[in-house]
């Protein structure tokens, strides 16, 4: 049974490609009650989550398990004062408690704020202060509890603290408390327009922005899972993403569960291609989604047979043609590229019923009306590069697009200028109606599957006494897609040398999360600038080190 049919109307072309998709739901729709609990009542033993880790632990959770465990967690949180509108930071890596905690927060009507364990103390301070969090639920690993306590001391904020799996000083043990809590939970009435989740984006000209999604957001991921990732009822989908990133919402819970597909979770810290493939084969994964970086590693290391795998997809950065071809040669599967943002769900993709085109992000999802427009607002001609914009329906709300930036109405109004949503990304459409992504209009760096805002790295760079002026850009890298390069104008008393390059790298990288590490330092006498004094990052990206 696929519960998603209760919430949408869909039409298909004869080829099987989606023609029309429309969401239909009640104003009190809540994923926790209307999907998780509904499955638990109708198919209690239906597999929902297959979880394992590097220590050979394994748990297979049914929908009735998730329903019960989320009720227990919701009761623990409620008894501590967490309720409708409360903001809760989740730093849970790939621990199975993420799923039970997230569903519990949905049932409470609280606002979940997923975050990666790789954040530094300063990163946490910014998020804690910006969101004014009421509680934090975190892993006991990777010094996260220590960083959380340090961040709270700096932020001068007091909030409820829980850790999972182990007792940690200063934190309650959510895993232990939940096991003893009541297994039933009375429905809390929520409105579909209530805020449900906040994701922090990577900043380009400022600090990361808080992107707010409401309770309709899970339903907008039905096309993500069904049409692009090819998740299906009774299948097992595996998206390689940590829960701190929006990609987890794309591939590790909402659309997959709505179509009745179980989610595969491998809890690991260090990526190892062969181990990843062994997980796929051991558990019979049917669909797989990963950033191009993962496919590059797989191709480089040699791809073993994956007989149960029926579909592969990717998003997040550009996929090189040689990786695409080698993967297809080894597996017989085409990698279906897709495109979207933290602010949206899947906007474009090589969808079901369509022949995937190498290098193209496919066609527009039937949930959206997306166009390529020029700076003057006119629709671009075929082959003409412009900005991807979303044109909302004439008499209705555009579901799947975020409902606001946290405490930044001005920025929200700006991206919705002219009555359309401006993605800030460029593309063109070919004569066959396929879209080709050309890059960002801003300067986000996509490295190893992560998105990094240059501003955050530049702030740390500027702390070094040798740095008079700096700029950070992404440059082509065979394994990471892009590597982070720092371009530096030195202060008068310093001279370029290999020792200083290493010193600057070590200084910055000790203060940055690993995925933000500077890989290259280039010394220049002056920065290329526009007439208005802005640094021209495009020239820096194209310069030779």
Protein backbone atom coordinates (compact mmCIF):
# COMPACT_ATOMS: atom_id res chain seq x y z
CA UNK A 1 0.00 0.00 0.00
CA UNK A 2 1.29 3.46 -0.90
CA UNK A 3 -0.22 6.09 1.35
CA UNK A 4 0.97 8.87 -0.91
CA UNK A 5 -2.08 8.35 -3.16
CA UNK A 6 -4.24 9.79 -0.38
CA UNK A 7 -2.53 13.14 -0.82
CA UNK A 8 -2.14 13.74 -4.54
CA UNK A 9 -3.53 13.43 -8.04
CA UNK A 10 -1.18 12.36 -10.79
CA UNK A 11 -1.31 11.80 -14.52
CA UNK A 12 1.23 10.11 -16.80
CA UNK A 13 2.17 10.09 -20.46
CA UNK A 14 2.07 6.77 -22.33
CA UNK A 15 5.83 6.50 -21.81
CA UNK A 16 5.29 6.44 -18.03
CA UNK A 17 6.72 9.92 -17.57
CA UNK A 18 4.79 12.13 -15.13
CA UNK A 19 2.47 14.59 -16.87
CA UNK A 20 0.65 16.27 -14.00
CA UNK A 21 0.98 16.22 -10.23
CA UNK A 22 -1.25 17.99 -7.73
CA UNK A 23 -1.20 17.82 -3.94
CA UNK A 24 -4.47 17.32 -2.07
CA UNK A 25 -4.51 17.30 1.73
CA UNK A 26 -6.31 18.54 4.83
CA UNK A 27 -5.19 21.69 6.60
CA UNK A 28 -4.13 19.64 9.63
CA UNK A 29 -1.88 17.24 7.68
CA UNK A 30 0.97 16.01 9.85
CA UNK A 31 3.53 13.49 8.59
CA UNK A 32 3.88 11.88 12.01
CA UNK A 33 0.20 11.01 12.36
CA UNK A 34 -1.03 10.78 8.78
CA UNK A 35 1.86 8.78 7.34
CA UNK A 36 3.87 7.04 10.07
CA UNK A 37 0.93 6.22 12.37
CA UNK A 38 -1.30 5.44 9.39
CA UNK A 39 1.16 2.81 8.15
CA UNK A 40 1.51 1.48 11.70
CA UNK A 41 -2.24 0.94 11.87
CA UNK A 42 -2.73 -0.51 8.39
CA UNK A 43 0.53 -2.45 7.89
CA UNK A 44 2.20 -2.57 11.31
CA UNK A 45 4.96 -4.96 10.27
CA UNK A 46 5.86 -3.08 7.10
CA UNK A 47 9.59 -2.35 7.02
CA UNK A 48 10.42 1.37 7.46
CA UNK A 49 14.09 1.65 8.43
CA UNK A 50 17.02 -0.72 7.95
CA UNK A 51 19.92 0.52 10.08
CA UNK A 52 23.47 -0.73 10.61
CA UNK A 53 26.79 0.76 11.62
CA UNK A 54 30.52 0.11 11.37
CA UNK A 55 30.42 -1.88 14.64
CA UNK A 56 28.19 -4.49 12.96
CA UNK A 57 25.12 -3.47 14.94
CA UNK A 58 21.87 -3.90 13.04
CA UNK A 59 18.27 -2.86 13.64
CA UNK A 60 15.29 -3.24 11.34
CA UNK A 61 12.39 -1.03 12.35
CA UNK A 62 8.80 -1.46 11.20
CA UNK A 63 6.36 1.42 10.94
CA UNK A 64 4.77 0.26 14.19
CA UNK A 65 8.22 0.49 15.81
CA UNK A 66 8.75 4.03 14.54
CA UNK A 67 5.22 5.01 15.61
CA UNK A 68 5.68 3.63 19.12
CA UNK A 69 9.21 4.97 19.62
CA UNK A 70 8.31 8.43 18.34
CA UNK A 71 5.35 8.48 20.75
CA UNK A 72 7.68 7.62 23.62
CA UNK A 73 10.16 10.32 22.62
CA UNK A 74 7.34 12.83 22.17
CA UNK A 75 6.17 12.10 25.72
CA UNK A 76 9.67 12.65 27.12
CA UNK A 77 9.99 15.96 25.29
CA UNK A 78 6.47 17.09 26.20
CA UNK A 79 7.07 16.36 29.89
CA UNK A 80 10.14 18.60 29.70
CA UNK A 81 8.15 21.48 28.26
CA UNK A 82 8.80 21.00 24.55
CA UNK A 83 5.65 21.61 22.53
CA UNK A 84 4.08 23.38 19.59
CA UNK A 85 6.46 25.94 18.14
CA UNK A 86 9.45 24.90 20.28
CA UNK A 87 12.71 24.93 18.34
CA UNK A 88 14.91 21.88 18.74
CA UNK A 89 18.41 21.47 17.30
CA UNK A 90 19.12 17.90 16.12
CA UNK A 91 22.77 16.83 15.81
CA UNK A 92 22.37 13.08 15.45
CA UNK A 93 24.61 12.02 12.55
CA UNK A 94 23.06 8.82 11.15
CA UNK A 95 21.90 7.41 14.50
CA UNK A 96 18.45 5.80 14.28
CA UNK A 97 17.30 8.17 17.03
CA UNK A 98 17.20 10.88 14.37
CA UNK A 99 14.13 9.28 12.78
CA UNK A 100 12.25 8.70 16.02
CA UNK A 101 13.16 12.18 17.32
CA UNK A 102 12.19 13.91 14.08
CA UNK A 103 8.81 12.18 13.91
CA UNK A 104 8.28 12.97 17.61
CA UNK A 105 8.92 16.67 16.96
CA UNK A 106 6.45 16.60 14.07
CA UNK A 107 3.82 15.07 16.34
CA UNK A 108 4.46 17.74 18.96
CA UNK A 109 4.17 20.52 16.39
CA UNK A 110 7.72 21.57 17.28
CA UNK A 111 10.30 22.93 14.84
CA UNK A 112 13.22 20.62 14.01
CA UNK A 113 16.58 22.20 13.15
CA UNK A 114 18.90 19.50 11.74
CA UNK A 115 22.63 20.23 11.90
CA UNK A 116 25.82 18.35 11.12
CA UNK A 117 28.14 17.09 13.85
CA UNK A 118 31.03 18.73 11.99
CA UNK A 119 30.00 22.24 13.06
CA UNK A 120 32.51 24.14 15.17
CA UNK A 121 31.67 25.90 18.42
CA UNK A 122 31.32 29.21 16.55
CA UNK A 123 29.00 27.56 14.01
CA UNK A 124 26.84 26.31 16.86
CA UNK A 125 26.80 29.68 18.61
CA UNK A 126 25.51 31.30 15.43
CA UNK A 127 22.73 28.75 14.96
CA UNK A 128 21.74 28.68 18.62
CA UNK A 129 21.48 32.47 18.78
CA UNK A 130 19.79 32.84 15.40
CA UNK A 131 17.13 30.21 16.07
CA UNK A 132 16.82 30.87 19.80
CA UNK A 133 16.66 27.13 20.38
CA UNK A 134 14.66 25.65 23.25
CA UNK A 135 16.41 22.27 23.25
CA UNK A 136 19.27 20.32 21.72
CA UNK A 137 19.32 16.58 21.02
CA UNK A 138 22.75 15.35 20.03
CA UNK A 139 25.13 12.45 19.53
CA UNK A 140 27.62 11.55 22.23
CA UNK A 141 30.31 11.17 19.58
CA UNK A 142 32.85 13.53 17.97
CA UNK A 143 33.04 15.82 21.02
CA UNK A 144 29.61 17.21 20.12
CA UNK A 145 28.37 17.46 23.75
CA UNK A 146 31.49 19.41 24.72
CA UNK A 147 31.06 21.76 21.76
CA UNK A 148 27.38 22.25 22.58
CA UNK A 149 28.17 23.18 26.20
CA UNK A 150 30.88 25.61 25.07
CA UNK A 151 28.54 27.18 22.53
CA UNK A 152 25.77 27.62 25.09
CA UNK A 153 28.20 29.28 27.49
CA UNK A 154 29.28 31.75 24.80
CA UNK A 155 25.69 32.30 23.66
CA UNK A 156 24.61 32.81 27.28
CA UNK A 157 21.55 30.71 26.57
CA UNK A 158 19.98 28.00 28.70
CA UNK A 159 18.04 25.20 27.06
CA UNK A 160 17.04 21.56 27.52
CA UNK A 161 19.81 19.11 26.63
CA UNK A 162 19.56 15.48 25.60
CA UNK A 163 22.16 13.03 24.35
CA UNK A 164 21.38 9.64 22.80
CA UNK A 165 22.69 6.15 23.56
CA UNK A 166 24.98 7.09 26.47
CA UNK A 167 24.97 9.03 29.73
CA UNK A 168 26.83 12.32 29.32
CA UNK A 169 27.38 14.92 32.04
CA UNK A 170 25.05 17.85 31.62
CA UNK A 171 22.69 15.93 29.31
CA UNK A 172 19.70 13.68 29.87
CA UNK A 173 19.81 10.31 28.10
CA UNK A 174 16.97 10.48 25.57
CA UNK A 175 17.35 6.86 24.47
CA UNK A 176 17.02 5.58 28.03
CA UNK A 177 14.19 7.95 28.99
CA UNK A 178 12.21 7.12 25.84
CA UNK A 179 12.35 3.39 26.53
CA UNK A 180 10.49 3.96 29.80
CA UNK A 181 7.94 6.47 28.49
CA UNK A 182 4.28 5.95 27.61
CA UNK A 183 3.82 4.32 24.20
CA UNK A 184 0.69 6.27 23.33
CA UNK A 185 0.48 9.94 22.43
CA UNK A 186 -2.64 12.02 21.91
CA UNK A 187 -2.70 13.91 18.64
CA UNK A 188 -1.64 17.55 18.80
CA UNK A 189 -3.54 19.71 16.30
CA UNK A 190 -1.17 21.38 13.87
CA UNK A 191 -1.80 23.53 10.82
CA UNK A 192 -0.12 22.76 7.51
CA UNK A 193 1.16 26.35 7.41
CA UNK A 194 2.91 26.05 10.78
CA UNK A 195 6.73 26.00 10.65
CA UNK A 196 7.99 22.40 10.81
CA UNK A 197 11.69 22.57 9.99
CA UNK A 198 14.56 25.03 9.67
CA UNK A 199 17.66 24.29 7.59
CA UNK A 200 20.62 26.65 7.60
CA UNK A 201 22.05 27.26 4.13
CA UNK A 202 25.64 28.12 3.33
CA UNK A 203 26.16 31.88 3.14
CA UNK A 204 27.74 33.67 0.20
CA UNK A 205 27.70 37.36 1.08
CA UNK A 206 26.74 36.83 4.70
CA UNK A 207 26.20 34.21 7.32
CA UNK A 208 24.03 31.14 6.65
CA UNK A 209 20.31 31.82 6.33
CA UNK A 210 17.65 29.84 8.16
CA UNK A 211 15.27 28.31 5.62
CA UNK A 212 11.81 27.58 7.04
CA UNK A 213 9.60 24.78 5.70
CA UNK A 214 6.05 24.12 6.86
CA UNK A 215 4.12 20.89 7.43
CA UNK A 216 3.31 20.47 3.71
CA UNK A 217 7.02 20.00 2.94
CA UNK A 218 7.09 16.17 3.27
CA UNK A 219 4.32 15.80 0.66
CA UNK A 220 6.28 17.87 -1.86
CA UNK A 221 8.96 15.15 -1.78
CA UNK A 222 6.67 12.55 -3.34
CA UNK A 223 7.99 13.41 -6.85
CA UNK A 224 11.55 13.45 -5.47
CA UNK A 225 11.27 9.85 -4.33
CA UNK A 226 8.90 8.33 -6.87
CA UNK A 227 9.74 10.04 -10.15
CA UNK A 228 13.45 10.72 -9.73
CA UNK A 229 14.90 8.27 -7.20
CA UNK A 230 12.47 5.53 -8.33
CA UNK A 231 11.65 4.50 -4.78
CA UNK A 232 8.73 2.05 -4.79
CA UNK A 233 6.42 0.24 -2.41
CA UNK A 234 8.37 -2.58 -0.76
CA UNK A 235 11.72 -1.31 -2.06
CA UNK A 236 14.80 -0.22 -0.11
CA UNK A 237 16.25 3.20 -0.87
CA UNK A 238 19.74 4.32 0.16
CA UNK A 239 20.70 8.00 0.05
CA UNK A 240 24.24 8.75 1.20
CA UNK A 241 23.76 11.84 3.34
CA UNK A 242 24.20 12.82 6.94
CA UNK A 243 21.04 13.93 8.71
CA UNK A 244 22.33 17.46 9.23
CA UNK A 245 21.81 18.31 5.58
CA UNK A 246 18.63 18.92 3.58
CA UNK A 247 19.53 15.95 1.36
CA UNK A 248 18.43 13.75 4.26
CA UNK A 249 14.88 15.08 3.83
CA UNK A 250 15.17 14.39 0.12
CA UNK A 251 16.26 10.78 0.45
CA UNK A 252 16.06 9.39 3.96
CA UNK A 253 12.46 9.76 5.15
CA UNK A 254 9.60 11.74 3.60
CA UNK A 255 9.03 10.77 -0.02
CA UNK A 256 10.36 7.26 0.51
CA UNK A 257 8.00 6.44 3.37
CA UNK A 258 5.07 8.10 1.61
CA UNK A 259 5.44 5.70 -1.34
CA UNK A 260 5.91 2.73 1.01
CA UNK A 261 9.66 2.32 0.47
CA UNK A 262 11.97 1.46 3.35
CA UNK A 263 15.06 3.57 4.01
CA UNK A 264 18.57 2.11 4.28
CA UNK A 265 20.87 3.83 6.79
CA UNK A 266 24.56 3.05 7.21
CA UNK A 267 25.97 4.88 10.25
CA UNK A 268 29.61 5.61 9.42
CA UNK A 269 32.21 8.37 9.78
CA UNK A 270 34.77 7.61 7.09
CA UNK A 271 33.59 6.86 3.56
CA UNK A 272 34.92 3.57 2.15
CA UNK A 273 33.63 2.64 -1.33
CA UNK A 274 33.88 -1.15 -0.95
CA UNK A 275 32.04 -1.09 2.36
CA UNK A 276 29.29 1.01 0.81
CA UNK A 277 28.85 -1.52 -1.98
CA UNK A 278 28.82 -4.40 0.51
CA UNK A 279 25.93 -2.71 2.36
CA UNK A 280 24.04 -2.27 -0.91
CA UNK A 281 24.45 -5.95 -1.73
CA UNK A 282 23.95 -7.37 1.77
CA UNK A 283 20.60 -5.67 2.33
CA UNK A 284 19.34 -5.71 -1.24
CA UNK A 285 19.19 -1.95 -1.83
CA UNK A 286 16.98 -1.24 -4.86
CA UNK A 287 17.66 2.48 -5.41
CA UNK A 288 20.72 4.55 -4.59
CA UNK A 289 21.37 8.30 -4.47
CA UNK A 290 24.71 9.93 -3.75
CA UNK A 291 26.66 13.07 -4.66
CA UNK A 292 29.03 12.84 -7.64
CA UNK A 293 31.98 12.61 -5.24
CA UNK A 294 30.81 9.14 -4.16
CA UNK A 295 30.42 7.96 -7.75
CA UNK A 296 33.91 9.26 -8.54
CA UNK A 297 35.35 7.18 -5.71
CA UNK A 298 33.37 4.13 -6.77
CA UNK A 299 34.60 4.40 -10.36
CA UNK A 300 38.18 5.01 -9.25
CA UNK A 301 38.22 2.00 -6.92
CA UNK A 302 36.40 -0.30 -9.32
CA UNK A 303 32.72 -1.12 -9.11
CA UNK A 304 31.75 -4.65 -8.02
CA UNK A 305 28.47 -6.13 -9.21
CA UNK A 306 25.32 -4.83 -7.52
CA UNK A 307 22.65 -7.26 -8.77
CA UNK A 308 19.72 -5.92 -6.73
CA UNK A 309 20.26 -2.27 -7.56
CA UNK A 310 17.69 -1.02 -10.06
CA UNK A 311 18.32 2.73 -10.11
CA UNK A 312 21.02 5.33 -9.39
CA UNK A 313 20.66 9.09 -9.03
CA UNK A 314 22.81 12.07 -8.11
CA UNK A 315 22.62 15.77 -7.29
CA UNK A 316 24.60 18.46 -5.53
CA UNK A 317 27.36 19.20 -8.03
CA UNK A 318 28.36 18.55 -11.63
CA UNK A 319 28.91 14.92 -12.66
CA UNK A 320 31.77 14.43 -15.09
CA UNK A 321 30.96 12.49 -18.32
CA UNK A 322 33.70 9.90 -17.74
CA UNK A 323 32.23 8.91 -14.35
CA UNK A 324 28.75 8.70 -15.86
CA UNK A 325 29.95 6.43 -18.67
CA UNK A 326 32.16 4.17 -16.56
CA UNK A 327 29.42 3.62 -13.99
CA UNK A 328 26.94 2.75 -16.72
CA UNK A 329 29.44 0.38 -18.39
CA UNK A 330 30.03 -1.45 -15.10
CA UNK A 331 26.44 -1.62 -13.84
CA UNK A 332 24.17 -1.15 -16.86
CA UNK A 333 22.51 1.69 -14.92
CA UNK A 334 22.42 5.31 -16.00
CA UNK A 335 23.00 7.88 -13.27
CA UNK A 336 19.97 10.17 -13.25
CA UNK A 337 20.93 13.70 -12.37
CA UNK A 338 18.60 16.04 -10.53
CA UNK A 339 18.54 19.62 -9.32
CA UNK A 340 16.97 21.48 -6.44
CA UNK A 341 17.81 23.62 -3.43
CA UNK A 342 17.53 23.65 0.34
CA UNK A 343 14.69 26.10 -0.25
CA UNK A 344 12.83 23.64 -2.50
CA UNK A 345 12.30 19.98 -3.24
CA UNK A 346 13.36 18.42 -6.56
CA UNK A 347 12.94 21.08 -9.26
CA UNK A 348 14.34 19.17 -12.22
CA UNK A 349 15.46 15.64 -12.85
CA UNK A 350 15.84 12.76 -15.25
CA UNK A 351 12.46 11.37 -14.32
CA UNK A 352 10.77 7.99 -14.75
CA UNK A 353 9.57 7.23 -18.28
CA UNK A 354 12.33 9.39 -19.76
CA UNK A 355 15.65 8.37 -21.24
CA UNK A 356 18.38 9.90 -19.02
CA UNK A 357 20.60 12.34 -20.89
CA UNK A 358 24.24 12.47 -19.80
CA UNK A 359 25.04 15.87 -18.31
CA UNK A 360 21.48 17.13 -18.30
CA UNK A 361 19.39 17.73 -15.18
CA UNK A 362 16.39 16.51 -17.16
CA UNK A 363 12.97 18.09 -17.17
CA UNK A 364 10.95 20.13 -14.70
CA UNK A 365 9.17 18.25 -11.92
CA UNK A 366 5.39 18.26 -12.47
CA UNK A 367 5.02 19.89 -9.05
CA UNK A 368 6.57 23.10 -10.42
CA UNK A 369 6.39 25.51 -13.32
CA UNK A 370 10.05 26.45 -13.79
CA UNK A 371 11.38 28.70 -16.52
CA UNK A 372 14.68 30.15 -17.68
CA UNK A 373 14.51 33.94 -17.58
CA UNK A 374 16.90 36.70 -18.57
CA UNK A 375 17.88 39.64 -16.38
CA UNK A 376 15.17 41.74 -18.02
CA UNK A 377 12.57 39.21 -16.86
CA UNK A 378 11.86 37.84 -20.32
CA UNK A 379 11.74 34.11 -20.95
CA UNK A 380 14.97 32.85 -22.49
CA UNK A 381 15.01 31.32 -25.95
CA UNK A 382 16.12 27.74 -26.54
CA UNK A 383 19.84 27.46 -25.85
CA UNK A 384 20.00 30.83 -24.10
CA UNK A 385 21.47 30.86 -20.60
CA UNK A 386 19.42 32.56 -17.91
CA UNK A 387 18.26 32.18 -14.34
CA UNK A 388 16.05 29.32 -13.17
CA UNK A 389 12.88 30.78 -11.67
CA UNK A 390 9.72 29.18 -10.30
CA UNK A 391 6.42 30.63 -11.45
CA UNK A 392 3.70 29.85 -8.88
CA UNK A 393 0.24 28.67 -9.97
CA UNK A 394 -2.21 31.49 -10.70
CA UNK A 395 -4.78 30.47 -8.10
CA UNK A 396 -2.88 28.58 -5.46
CA UNK A 397 0.14 28.20 -3.22
CA UNK A 398 3.43 26.87 -4.57
CA UNK A 399 4.01 23.85 -2.35
CA UNK A 400 7.55 22.59 -2.03
CA UNK A 401 9.09 26.06 -1.76
CA UNK A 402 10.14 27.34 1.64
CA UNK A 403 7.83 29.74 3.47
CA UNK A 404 10.40 32.18 4.83
CA UNK A 405 13.93 33.02 5.90
CA UNK A 406 14.45 33.10 9.66
CA UNK A 407 14.07 36.72 10.82
CA UNK A 408 14.84 38.01 7.32
CA UNK A 409 11.67 39.08 5.53
CA UNK A 410 13.66 41.45 3.33
CA UNK A 411 15.71 38.62 1.82
CA UNK A 412 12.59 36.51 1.38
CA UNK A 413 10.85 39.34 -0.47
CA UNK A 414 13.94 39.78 -2.63
CA UNK A 415 14.08 36.17 -3.86
CA UNK A 416 10.33 36.42 -4.61
CA UNK A 417 10.66 39.72 -6.50
CA UNK A 418 8.47 40.07 -9.55
CA UNK A 419 6.09 37.38 -8.33
CA UNK A 420 8.47 34.50 -9.09
CA UNK A 421 11.03 32.64 -6.98
CA UNK A 422 14.58 33.42 -8.09
CA UNK A 423 16.89 30.45 -7.51
CA UNK A 424 20.10 32.36 -8.28
CA UNK A 425 21.16 29.42 -10.48
CA UNK A 426 21.74 29.50 -14.22
CA UNK A 427 20.79 26.99 -16.91
CA UNK A 428 19.52 26.71 -20.47
CA UNK A 429 16.93 24.54 -22.16
CA UNK A 430 17.72 22.64 -25.36
CA UNK A 431 15.45 21.98 -28.31
CA UNK A 432 14.26 18.73 -26.72
CA UNK A 433 13.04 20.42 -23.56
CA UNK A 434 15.98 19.16 -21.48
CA UNK A 435 17.64 21.51 -19.02
CA UNK A 436 21.39 21.97 -18.64
CA UNK A 437 22.74 23.41 -15.41
CA UNK A 438 25.44 26.06 -15.89
CA UNK A 439 26.37 26.99 -12.33
CA UNK A 440 25.40 29.38 -9.58
CA UNK A 441 25.06 33.09 -9.89
CA UNK A 442 26.39 33.29 -6.37
CA UNK A 443 29.67 31.77 -5.26
CA UNK A 444 28.69 28.75 -3.20
CA UNK A 445 31.44 26.13 -3.23
CA UNK A 446 30.36 22.51 -3.63
CA UNK A 447 33.08 20.26 -2.29
CA UNK A 448 32.83 16.54 -1.59
CA UNK A 449 29.04 16.74 -1.58
CA UNK A 450 28.97 19.65 0.91
CA UNK A 451 28.05 23.28 0.25
CA UNK A 452 30.36 25.92 1.69
CA UNK A 453 29.82 29.67 1.79
CA UNK A 454 33.09 31.56 1.14
CA UNK A 455 32.19 34.21 3.70
CA UNK A 456 32.54 31.78 6.61
CA UNK A 457 36.05 30.70 5.55
CA UNK A 458 37.13 34.26 4.72
CA UNK A 459 36.19 35.38 8.24
CA UNK A 460 38.67 32.88 9.69
CA UNK A 461 41.35 33.72 7.11
CA UNK A 462 41.17 37.38 8.05
CA UNK A 463 42.13 36.52 11.61
CA UNK A 464 45.66 35.55 10.52
CA UNK A 465 48.14 38.44 10.88
CA UNK A 466 49.72 37.76 7.49
CA UNK A 467 46.43 38.24 5.65
CA UNK A 468 45.77 41.77 4.42
CA UNK A 469 42.99 40.83 2.03
CA UNK A 470 41.54 37.50 0.96
CA UNK A 471 38.94 35.72 -1.09
CA UNK A 472 37.85 32.10 -1.11
CA UNK A 473 36.71 30.23 -4.23
CA UNK A 474 36.09 26.69 -5.40
CA UNK A 475 38.38 25.23 -8.06
CA UNK A 476 38.11 21.99 -10.02
CA UNK A 477 39.24 18.92 -8.12
CA UNK A 478 39.25 15.36 -9.47
CA UNK A 479 37.89 13.76 -6.29
CA UNK A 480 35.96 16.48 -4.48
CA UNK A 481 34.38 18.17 -7.48
CA UNK A 482 35.70 21.43 -6.09
CA UNK A 483 38.50 22.18 -3.64
CA UNK A 484 38.54 25.28 -1.48
CA UNK A 485 41.21 27.76 -2.58
CA UNK A 486 42.21 30.82 -0.55
CA UNK A 487 43.59 33.74 -2.52
CA UNK A 488 45.58 36.00 -0.22
CA UNK A 489 47.14 39.46 -0.42
CA UNK A 490 49.83 39.51 2.27
CA UNK A 491 50.44 42.21 4.83
CA UNK A 492 53.55 44.33 4.25
CA UNK A 493 55.85 42.48 6.66
CA UNK A 494 55.23 39.04 5.12
CA UNK A 495 56.68 37.35 2.04
CA UNK A 496 55.17 34.39 0.12
CA UNK A 497 56.75 31.02 0.94
CA UNK A 498 55.78 27.37 1.39
CA UNK A 499 56.13 27.64 5.19
CA UNK A 500 53.69 30.55 5.34
CA UNK A 501 51.25 28.71 3.09
CA UNK A 502 51.26 25.75 5.48
CA UNK A 503 50.97 28.04 8.51
CA UNK A 504 47.89 29.76 7.09
CA UNK A 505 46.28 26.42 6.18
CA UNK A 506 46.92 24.96 9.64
CA UNK A 507 45.70 28.13 11.36
CA UNK A 508 42.42 28.20 9.45
CA UNK A 509 41.73 24.47 9.27
CA UNK A 510 42.11 24.11 13.02
CA UNK A 511 39.15 26.50 13.35
CA UNK A 512 37.01 25.16 10.52
CA UNK A 513 34.82 22.07 10.17
CA UNK A 514 36.68 19.52 8.04
CA UNK A 515 34.46 19.94 5.00
CA UNK A 516 35.40 23.66 4.97
CA UNK A 517 39.16 23.07 5.03
CA UNK A 518 41.35 25.15 2.75
CA UNK A 519 43.21 22.89 0.33
CA UNK A 520 45.09 25.50 -1.73
CA UNK A 521 46.60 28.86 -0.87
CA UNK A 522 47.56 31.29 -3.62
CA UNK A 523 49.43 34.52 -2.89
CA UNK A 524 48.71 37.49 -5.14
CA UNK A 525 49.84 41.14 -5.12
CA UNK A 526 46.33 42.49 -5.65
CA UNK A 527 42.79 41.25 -6.16
CA UNK A 528 40.95 41.61 -9.45
CA UNK A 529 38.06 43.98 -8.75
CA UNK A 530 35.09 45.53 -10.46
CA UNK A 531 34.77 49.29 -10.87
CA UNK A 532 32.69 49.35 -7.70
CA UNK A 533 35.47 47.65 -5.73
CA UNK A 534 34.00 44.11 -5.55
CA UNK A 535 36.42 41.21 -5.89
CA UNK A 536 35.87 39.27 -9.11
CA UNK A 537 35.78 35.70 -7.89
CA UNK A 538 35.34 34.35 -11.43
CA UNK A 539 38.86 35.54 -12.29
CA UNK A 540 40.27 33.99 -9.13
CA UNK A 541 38.68 30.64 -9.96
CA UNK A 542 40.29 30.68 -13.39
CA UNK A 543 43.74 31.75 -12.22
CA UNK A 544 46.60 29.22 -12.18
CA UNK A 545 48.24 28.32 -8.90
